Amino acid sequence: MSSVADQLNSVLQKTARVIELCNALQEENDLLKQENQSQKVSLDQAKIQRADLEEKLRVLKLAKSIEGTSEKTLDIKQKINDFVREIDKCVVLLKK
């Protein structure tokens, strides 16, 4: 009889150990789920920040292109004015 009792006691101990391991794994799983959720939130925030930065970059590129265009336009207008003055001088010389 003692061997049956010993075997039953051994089974109960192993069952208790399996339950402890199961509880420990469940706690680890819960922690990993929380960490995963935290990482997802961080990723979503990073995506939003990236989209904002891309929009700012697009606006800056557009502003620089407009700024460059206005400088080029001013340079072209200045050159045209210079040419008109030279033509006027030539016309005055031709009239003499």
C-alpha atoms as a PDB file:
ATOM      1  CA  MET A   1       0.000   0.000   0.000  1.00  0.00           C
ATOM      2  CA  SER A   2       2.770   2.394   0.745  1.00  0.00           C
ATOM      3  CA  SER A   3       3.988   2.212  -2.817  1.00  0.00           C
ATOM      4  CA  VAL A   4       0.574   3.320  -4.086  1.00  0.00           C
ATOM      5  CA  ALA A   5       0.550   6.127  -1.532  1.00  0.00           C
ATOM      6  CA  ASP A   6       4.103   7.080  -2.544  1.00  0.00           C
ATOM      7  CA  GLN A   7       3.115   7.081  -6.207  1.00  0.00           C
ATOM      8  CA  LEU A   8       0.031   9.180  -5.460  1.00  0.00           C
ATOM      9  CA  ASN A   9       2.107  11.595  -3.417  1.00  0.00           C
ATOM     10  CA  SER A  10       4.638  11.812  -6.274  1.00  0.00           C
ATOM     11  CA  VAL A  11       1.838  12.508  -8.779  1.00  0.00           C
ATOM     12  CA  LEU A  12       0.432  15.225  -6.502  1.00  0.00           C
ATOM     13  CA  GLN A  13       3.864  16.842  -6.163  1.00  0.00           C
ATOM     14  CA  LYS A  14       4.429  16.755  -9.911  1.00  0.00           C
ATOM     15  CA  THR A  15       0.948  18.154 -10.493  1.00  0.00           C
ATOM     16  CA  ALA A  16       1.631  20.983  -8.046  1.00  0.00           C
ATOM     17  CA  ARG A  17       4.922  21.674  -9.823  1.00  0.00           C
ATOM     18  CA  VAL A  18       3.176  21.738 -13.218  1.00  0.00           C
ATOM     19  CA  ILE A  19       0.566  24.148 -11.823  1.00  0.00           C
ATOM     20  CA  GLU A  20       3.351  26.409 -10.484  1.00  0.00           C
ATOM     21  CA  LEU A  21       5.089  26.367 -13.860  1.00  0.00           C
ATOM     22  CA  CYS A  22       1.797  27.085 -15.605  1.00  0.00           C
ATOM     23  CA  ASN A  23       1.158  30.073 -13.306  1.00  0.00           C
ATOM     24  CA  ALA A  24       4.687  31.382 -13.870  1.00  0.00           C
ATOM     25  CA  LEU A  25       4.278  31.050 -17.628  1.00  0.00           C
ATOM     26  CA  GLN A  26       0.909  32.778 -17.453  1.00  0.00           C
ATOM     27  CA  GLU A  27       2.467  35.720 -15.582  1.00  0.00           C
ATOM     28  CA  GLU A  28       5.279  35.900 -18.136  1.00  0.00           C
ATOM     29  CA  ASN A  29       2.720  35.781 -20.938  1.00  0.00           C
ATOM     30  CA  ASP A  30       0.760  38.646 -19.352  1.00  0.00           C
ATOM     31  CA  LEU A  31       3.934  40.726 -19.031  1.00  0.00           C
ATOM     32  CA  LEU A  32       4.849  40.043 -22.650  1.00  0.00           C
ATOM     33  CA  LYS A  33       1.346  41.051 -23.747  1.00  0.00           C
ATOM     34  CA  GLN A  34       1.686  44.331 -21.856  1.00  0.00           C
ATOM     35  CA  GLU A  35       5.103  44.964 -23.387  1.00  0.00           C
ATOM     36  CA  ASN A  36       3.729  44.144 -26.830  1.00  0.00           C
ATOM     37  CA  GLN A  37       0.890  46.612 -26.341  1.00  0.00           C
ATOM     38  CA  SER A  38       3.342  49.265 -25.179  1.00  0.00           C
ATOM     39  CA  GLN A  39       5.492  48.662 -28.262  1.00  0.00           C
ATOM     40  CA  LYS A  40       2.438  48.976 -30.504  1.00  0.00           C
ATOM     41  CA  VAL A  41       1.555  52.327 -28.926  1.00  0.00           C
ATOM     42  CA  SER A  42       5.154  53.509 -29.365  1.00  0.00           C
ATOM     43  CA  LEU A  43       5.122  52.387 -32.990  1.00  0.00           C
ATOM     44  CA  ASP A  44       1.847  54.205 -33.655  1.00  0.00           C
ATOM     45  CA  GLN A  45       3.254  57.386 -32.118  1.00  0.00           C
ATOM     46  CA  ALA A  46       6.421  57.038 -34.192  1.00  0.00           C
ATOM     47  CA  LYS A  47       4.329  56.618 -37.352  1.00  0.00           C
ATOM     48  CA  ILE A  48       2.362  59.767 -36.530  1.00  0.00           C
ATOM     49  CA  GLN A  49       5.554  61.697 -35.823  1.00  0.00           C
ATOM     50  CA  ARG A  50       7.081  60.431 -39.075  1.00  0.00           C
ATOM     51  CA  ALA A  51       4.028  61.546 -41.036  1.00  0.00           C
ATOM     52  CA  ASP A  52       4.211  64.974 -39.392  1.00  0.00           C
ATOM     53  CA  LEU A  53       7.909  65.294 -40.197  1.00  0.00           C
ATOM     54  CA  GLU A  54       7.349  64.207 -43.792  1.00  0.00           C
ATOM     55  CA  GLU A  55       4.647  66.873 -44.131  1.00  0.00           C
ATOM     56  CA  LYS A  56       6.967  69.508 -42.665  1.00  0.00           C
ATOM     57  CA  LEU A  57       9.713  68.419 -45.061  1.00  0.00           C
ATOM     58  CA  ARG A  58       7.320  68.673 -48.002  1.00  0.00           C
ATOM     59  CA  VAL A  59       6.312  72.181 -46.928  1.00  0.00           C
ATOM     60  CA  LEU A  60       9.954  73.208 -46.490  1.00  0.00           C
ATOM     61  CA  LYS A  61      10.860  71.873 -49.928  1.00  0.00           C
ATOM     62  CA  LEU A  62       7.933  73.744 -51.420  1.00  0.00           C
ATOM     63  CA  ALA A  63       8.910  76.942 -49.601  1.00  0.00           C
ATOM     64  CA  LYS A  64      12.514  76.642 -50.778  1.00  0.00           C
ATOM     65  CA  SER A  65      11.429  76.054 -54.350  1.00  0.00           C
ATOM     66  CA  ILE A  66       9.169  79.110 -54.199  1.00  0.00           C
ATOM     67  CA  GLU A  67      11.945  81.141 -52.588  1.00  0.00           C
ATOM     68  CA  GLY A  68      14.373  80.057 -55.290  1.00  0.00           C
ATOM     69  CA  THR A  69      11.846  80.886 -57.972  1.00  0.00           C
ATOM     70  CA  SER A  70      11.281  84.389 -56.646  1.00  0.00           C
ATOM     71  CA  GLU A  71      15.042  85.029 -56.575  1.00  0.00           C
ATOM     72  CA  LYS A  72      15.340  83.766 -60.119  1.00  0.00           C
ATOM     73  CA  THR A  73      12.405  85.925 -61.161  1.00  0.00           C
ATOM     74  CA  LEU A  74      14.010  88.980 -59.586  1.00  0.00           C
ATOM     75  CA  ASP A  75      17.311  88.201 -61.336  1.00  0.00           C
ATOM     76  CA  ILE A  76      15.534  87.810 -64.664  1.00  0.00           C
ATOM     77  CA  LYS A  77      13.619  91.070 -64.164  1.00  0.00           C
ATOM     78  CA  GLN A  78      16.863  92.855 -63.276  1.00  0.00           C
ATOM     79  CA  LYS A  79      18.547  91.529 -66.419  1.00  0.00           C
ATOM     80  CA  ILE A  80      15.587  92.581 -68.553  1.00  0.00           C
ATOM     81  CA  ASN A  81      15.728  96.057 -67.030  1.00  0.00           C
ATOM     82  CA  ASP A  82      19.459  96.217 -67.745  1.00  0.00           C
ATOM     83  CA  PHE A  83      18.873  95.190 -71.370  1.00  0.00           C
ATOM     84  CA  VAL A  84      16.106  97.800 -71.758  1.00  0.00           C
ATOM     85  CA  ARG A  85      18.429 100.513 -70.430  1.00  0.00           C
ATOM     86  CA  GLU A  86      21.153  99.465 -72.862  1.00  0.00           C
ATOM     87  CA  ILE A  87      18.666  99.432 -75.741  1.00  0.00           C
ATOM     88  CA  ASP A  88      17.464 102.905 -74.723  1.00  0.00           C
ATOM     89  CA  LYS A  89      21.064 104.121 -74.717  1.00  0.00           C
ATOM     90  CA  CYS A  90      21.609 102.636 -78.140  1.00  0.00           C
ATOM     91  CA  VAL A  91      18.419 104.240 -79.461  1.00  0.00           C
ATOM     92  CA  VAL A  92      19.568 107.616 -78.094  1.00  0.00           C
ATOM     93  CA  LEU A  93      22.927 107.157 -79.796  1.00  0.00           C
ATOM     94  CA  LEU A  94      21.253 106.210 -83.068  1.00  0.00           C
ATOM     95  CA  LYS A  95      19.064 109.324 -82.993  1.00  0.00           C
ATOM     96  CA  LYS A  96      22.122 111.567 -82.794  1.00  0.00           C
END
